[in-house]
């Protein structure tokens, strides 16, 4: 993804922020959050980073689940401005994290990895700020969904359609990049309409009818290898 595309995405997210609630507001997000919460490790006393936090949907859940501290981080000032002021908020690009080495027990990134121009470099950056044995939990659109023509898009308050630029990383790329960055893959969930977490799509049958059995969302839990 070029610098121009990244800037265009930032402007789009700023425009989206006023109408973007800090909770799942469609069937895909309900399914994604269900899978992510299944993979979420115990949070009591943990230090967490909600990376590409948007309006703070996961920041709130991490705090509710007992995290001792939660930092909400996003590159969009519009989105970040709508995150709860009770949170510690940091504006930063997810490719350039302004945090000390080994700062967090958990890094969570919901539906954002496709905006990373280089998956391997993104994972390396996250690994650097995680403690040994810490977890990275992330989700994204499944590459099969991208191939089927699904887009990241929204309609703004003026009824204009915005399509966000993103990359579709294959499952093998996720696995190989995770290993190279020093992670062990503990879990990978592929969410399909009508199956498991994909039952959330029953509320919007048009999706299941158009893409029956298609993997739409990917949720991954990685663990940073501990020092020998």
Protein backbone atom coordinates (compact mmCIF):
# COMPACT_ATOMS: atom_id res chain seq x y z
CA UNK A 1 0.00 0.00 0.00
CA UNK A 2 1.44 3.34 -1.05
CA UNK A 3 1.77 6.44 1.13
CA UNK A 4 -1.02 8.08 -0.88
CA UNK A 5 -3.32 5.10 -0.23
CA UNK A 6 -2.52 5.19 3.49
CA UNK A 7 -3.35 8.89 3.64
CA UNK A 8 -6.58 8.28 1.73
CA UNK A 9 -7.53 5.55 4.23
CA UNK A 10 -6.80 7.89 7.15
CA UNK A 11 -9.03 10.58 5.65
CA UNK A 12 -11.78 8.01 5.10
CA UNK A 13 -11.60 6.78 8.68
CA UNK A 14 -11.72 10.36 9.94
CA UNK A 15 -14.90 10.86 7.90
CA UNK A 16 -16.35 7.57 9.18
CA UNK A 17 -15.61 8.30 12.85
CA UNK A 18 -18.73 10.31 13.69
CA UNK A 19 -21.01 7.42 12.71
CA UNK A 20 -18.78 4.55 13.92
CA UNK A 21 -20.03 3.28 17.31
CA UNK A 22 -17.66 1.50 19.74
CA UNK A 23 -19.51 -1.81 19.40
CA UNK A 24 -20.28 -4.36 16.66
CA UNK A 25 -22.72 -2.70 14.28
CA UNK A 26 -23.11 -5.32 11.56
CA UNK A 27 -23.20 -9.11 11.18
CA UNK A 28 -19.55 -9.38 10.14
CA UNK A 29 -18.38 -7.51 13.24
CA UNK A 30 -20.60 -9.63 15.49
CA UNK A 31 -19.08 -12.79 14.04
CA UNK A 32 -15.56 -11.38 14.24
CA UNK A 33 -15.93 -10.29 17.85
CA UNK A 34 -17.37 -13.65 18.85
CA UNK A 35 -14.30 -15.41 17.45
CA UNK A 36 -11.89 -12.91 18.98
CA UNK A 37 -13.42 -13.22 22.46
CA UNK A 38 -13.13 -17.00 22.26
CA UNK A 39 -9.39 -16.58 21.68
CA UNK A 40 -8.85 -13.84 24.26
CA UNK A 41 -6.61 -15.08 27.11
CA UNK A 42 -7.38 -14.16 30.76
CA UNK A 43 -6.90 -10.43 31.14
CA UNK A 44 -6.85 -9.89 34.91
CA UNK A 45 -3.83 -7.75 35.78
CA UNK A 46 -2.55 -7.65 32.20
CA UNK A 47 -1.17 -4.66 30.30
CA UNK A 48 -2.87 -4.44 26.89
CA UNK A 49 -2.53 -2.47 23.67
CA UNK A 50 -5.62 -2.07 21.47
CA UNK A 51 -3.86 -1.42 18.16
CA UNK A 52 -5.80 0.26 15.33
CA UNK A 53 -8.47 0.70 17.99
CA UNK A 54 -10.95 2.76 15.96
CA UNK A 55 -13.47 4.20 18.42
CA UNK A 56 -12.32 1.84 21.17
CA UNK A 57 -14.56 -1.20 20.81
CA UNK A 58 -11.96 -3.65 22.12
CA UNK A 59 -10.39 -1.19 24.55
CA UNK A 60 -13.64 -1.18 26.51
CA UNK A 61 -13.89 -4.98 26.47
CA UNK A 62 -10.29 -5.40 27.64
CA UNK A 63 -10.89 -3.04 30.55
CA UNK A 64 -14.14 -4.82 31.42
CA UNK A 65 -12.28 -8.14 31.46
CA UNK A 66 -9.86 -6.92 34.09
CA UNK A 67 -6.82 -5.58 32.24
CA UNK A 68 -4.78 -3.45 34.62
CA UNK A 69 -4.00 -0.95 31.87
CA UNK A 70 -5.24 -0.45 28.31
CA UNK A 71 -3.71 1.83 25.70
CA UNK A 72 -5.92 2.69 22.72
CA UNK A 73 -3.83 3.43 19.62
CA UNK A 74 -4.96 4.51 16.15
CA UNK A 75 -3.63 6.57 13.22
CA UNK A 76 -6.97 8.36 12.70
CA UNK A 77 -7.45 11.38 14.96
CA UNK A 78 -11.16 11.25 14.19
CA UNK A 79 -11.53 7.65 15.36
CA UNK A 80 -9.25 8.09 18.36
CA UNK A 81 -11.15 11.17 19.44
CA UNK A 82 -14.28 9.05 19.88
CA UNK A 83 -12.56 6.46 22.09
CA UNK A 84 -13.38 6.82 25.77
CA UNK A 85 -11.45 9.66 27.42
CA UNK A 86 -11.01 7.30 30.39
CA UNK A 87 -8.51 5.37 28.26
CA UNK A 88 -4.91 6.27 27.60
CA UNK A 89 -5.00 7.23 23.92
CA UNK A 90 -2.00 7.34 21.59
CA UNK A 91 -2.08 8.45 17.97
CA UNK A 92 0.37 6.39 15.91
CA UNK A 93 0.73 4.37 12.72
CA UNK A 94 0.57 0.65 13.47
CA UNK A 95 3.75 0.16 11.44
CA UNK A 96 5.72 2.52 13.71
CA UNK A 97 4.86 1.81 17.33
CA UNK A 98 6.11 4.44 19.82
CA UNK A 99 6.32 2.08 22.80
CA UNK A 100 9.17 0.61 24.81
CA UNK A 101 10.39 -2.90 24.13
CA UNK A 102 8.47 -5.62 26.01
CA UNK A 103 5.78 -3.23 27.29
CA UNK A 104 2.64 -5.35 26.86
CA UNK A 105 1.19 -8.71 27.86
CA UNK A 106 -1.33 -8.54 25.01
CA UNK A 107 -1.61 -6.69 21.72
CA UNK A 108 -5.00 -6.85 20.01
CA UNK A 109 -5.77 -5.61 16.49
CA UNK A 110 -9.30 -5.98 15.15
CA UNK A 111 -9.94 -5.94 11.39
CA UNK A 112 -6.83 -3.90 10.66
CA UNK A 113 -4.03 -6.17 9.43
CA UNK A 114 -5.03 -5.72 5.79
CA UNK A 115 -3.95 -2.09 6.08
CA UNK A 116 -0.38 -3.16 6.88
CA UNK A 117 1.77 -2.71 3.75
CA UNK A 118 4.09 -5.50 4.94
CA UNK A 119 2.71 -8.27 7.16
CA UNK A 120 6.12 -9.50 8.26
CA UNK A 121 7.34 -6.06 9.28
CA UNK A 122 4.10 -5.40 11.14
CA UNK A 123 4.46 -8.63 13.09
CA UNK A 124 8.08 -7.84 13.91
CA UNK A 125 7.06 -4.44 15.27
CA UNK A 126 4.35 -5.97 17.44
CA UNK A 127 6.72 -8.67 18.69
CA UNK A 128 9.16 -5.97 19.80
CA UNK A 129 6.63 -4.35 22.17
CA UNK A 130 5.30 -7.65 23.55
CA UNK A 131 6.78 -9.34 26.57
CA UNK A 132 8.19 -12.86 26.03
CA UNK A 133 5.26 -15.23 26.37
CA UNK A 134 2.82 -12.42 25.57
CA UNK A 135 -0.01 -12.77 23.08
CA UNK A 136 -0.98 -11.09 19.84
CA UNK A 137 -4.64 -11.48 18.95
CA UNK A 138 -5.80 -10.14 15.60
CA UNK A 139 -8.56 -10.47 13.03
CA UNK A 140 -9.05 -9.48 9.44
CA UNK A 141 -11.11 -10.12 6.35
CA UNK A 142 -10.36 -13.63 5.12
CA UNK A 143 -8.42 -13.74 1.81
CA UNK A 144 -11.23 -15.87 0.36
CA UNK A 145 -13.65 -13.01 1.06
CA UNK A 146 -11.42 -10.57 -0.80
CA UNK A 147 -11.22 -12.93 -3.78
CA UNK A 148 -15.00 -13.20 -3.78
CA UNK A 149 -15.28 -9.43 -4.15
CA UNK A 150 -16.01 -8.25 -0.62
CA UNK A 151 -14.66 -4.78 0.09
CA UNK A 152 -13.95 -2.63 3.12
CA UNK A 153 -16.45 0.13 2.55
CA UNK A 154 -18.91 2.45 4.23
CA UNK A 155 -21.50 5.08 3.35
CA UNK A 156 -20.90 8.44 5.04
CA UNK A 157 -23.49 10.80 6.47
CA UNK A 158 -23.82 12.42 3.03
CA UNK A 159 -24.62 9.01 1.49
CA UNK A 160 -21.31 8.77 -0.36
CA UNK A 161 -19.64 5.37 -0.68
CA UNK A 162 -16.02 5.06 0.42
CA UNK A 163 -13.93 1.96 -0.39
CA UNK A 164 -10.82 1.51 1.73
CA UNK A 165 -7.60 0.12 0.27
CA UNK A 166 -6.28 -3.09 1.83
CA UNK A 167 -4.20 -6.18 1.17
CA UNK A 168 -5.41 -9.80 1.33
CA UNK A 169 -2.74 -11.94 2.99
CA UNK A 170 -2.96 -15.68 2.43
CA UNK A 171 -3.06 -18.11 5.35
CA UNK A 172 0.41 -19.39 4.51
CA UNK A 173 1.72 -15.83 4.62
CA UNK A 174 0.24 -15.39 8.09
CA UNK A 175 1.87 -18.60 9.32
CA UNK A 176 5.27 -17.96 7.77
CA UNK A 177 5.45 -14.32 8.83
CA UNK A 178 4.43 -15.23 12.38
CA UNK A 179 7.18 -17.84 12.67
CA UNK A 180 9.78 -15.47 11.23
CA UNK A 181 8.80 -12.76 13.73
CA UNK A 182 9.27 -15.08 16.70
CA UNK A 183 5.70 -16.21 17.32
CA UNK A 184 4.04 -19.56 17.83
CA UNK A 185 0.57 -19.85 16.31
CA UNK A 186 -1.79 -21.10 19.00
CA UNK A 187 -5.16 -20.74 17.26
CA UNK A 188 -6.65 -19.78 13.91
CA UNK A 189 -10.39 -19.49 13.33
CA UNK A 190 -12.00 -19.16 9.90
CA UNK A 191 -15.52 -17.76 10.29
CA UNK A 192 -18.13 -18.90 7.77
CA UNK A 193 -21.83 -17.97 7.62
CA UNK A 194 -24.02 -20.52 9.36
CA UNK A 195 -21.14 -22.23 11.19
CA UNK A 196 -20.05 -21.58 14.77
CA UNK A 197 -19.28 -17.89 15.17
CA UNK A 198 -20.72 -17.35 11.71
CA UNK A 199 -24.21 -17.89 13.09
CA UNK A 200 -24.19 -14.12 13.61
CA UNK A 201 -24.74 -13.86 9.86
CA UNK A 202 -28.16 -15.45 10.29
CA UNK A 203 -29.39 -11.96 11.13
CA UNK A 204 -28.41 -10.92 7.62
CA UNK A 205 -29.32 -13.90 5.41
CA UNK A 206 -28.37 -12.07 2.20
CA UNK A 207 -24.70 -12.61 3.05
CA UNK A 208 -25.15 -16.35 3.60
CA UNK A 209 -27.18 -16.63 0.41
CA UNK A 210 -24.59 -14.79 -1.67
CA UNK A 211 -21.51 -16.47 -0.14
CA UNK A 212 -22.66 -19.82 1.31
CA UNK A 213 -19.84 -21.54 3.17
CA UNK A 214 -17.30 -18.87 2.26
CA UNK A 215 -14.71 -17.97 4.91
CA UNK A 216 -15.29 -14.26 5.55
CA UNK A 217 -13.28 -13.52 8.68
CA UNK A 218 -9.96 -14.74 10.05
CA UNK A 219 -9.09 -14.61 13.77
CA UNK A 220 -5.60 -15.53 14.96
CA UNK A 221 -3.89 -15.90 18.34
CA UNK A 222 -0.09 -15.90 18.46
CA UNK A 223 2.25 -16.29 21.40
CA UNK A 224 5.67 -14.65 21.45
CA UNK A 225 8.35 -17.26 22.05
CA UNK A 226 10.09 -16.94 25.37
CA UNK A 227 13.83 -16.45 25.63
CA UNK A 228 15.85 -19.65 25.79
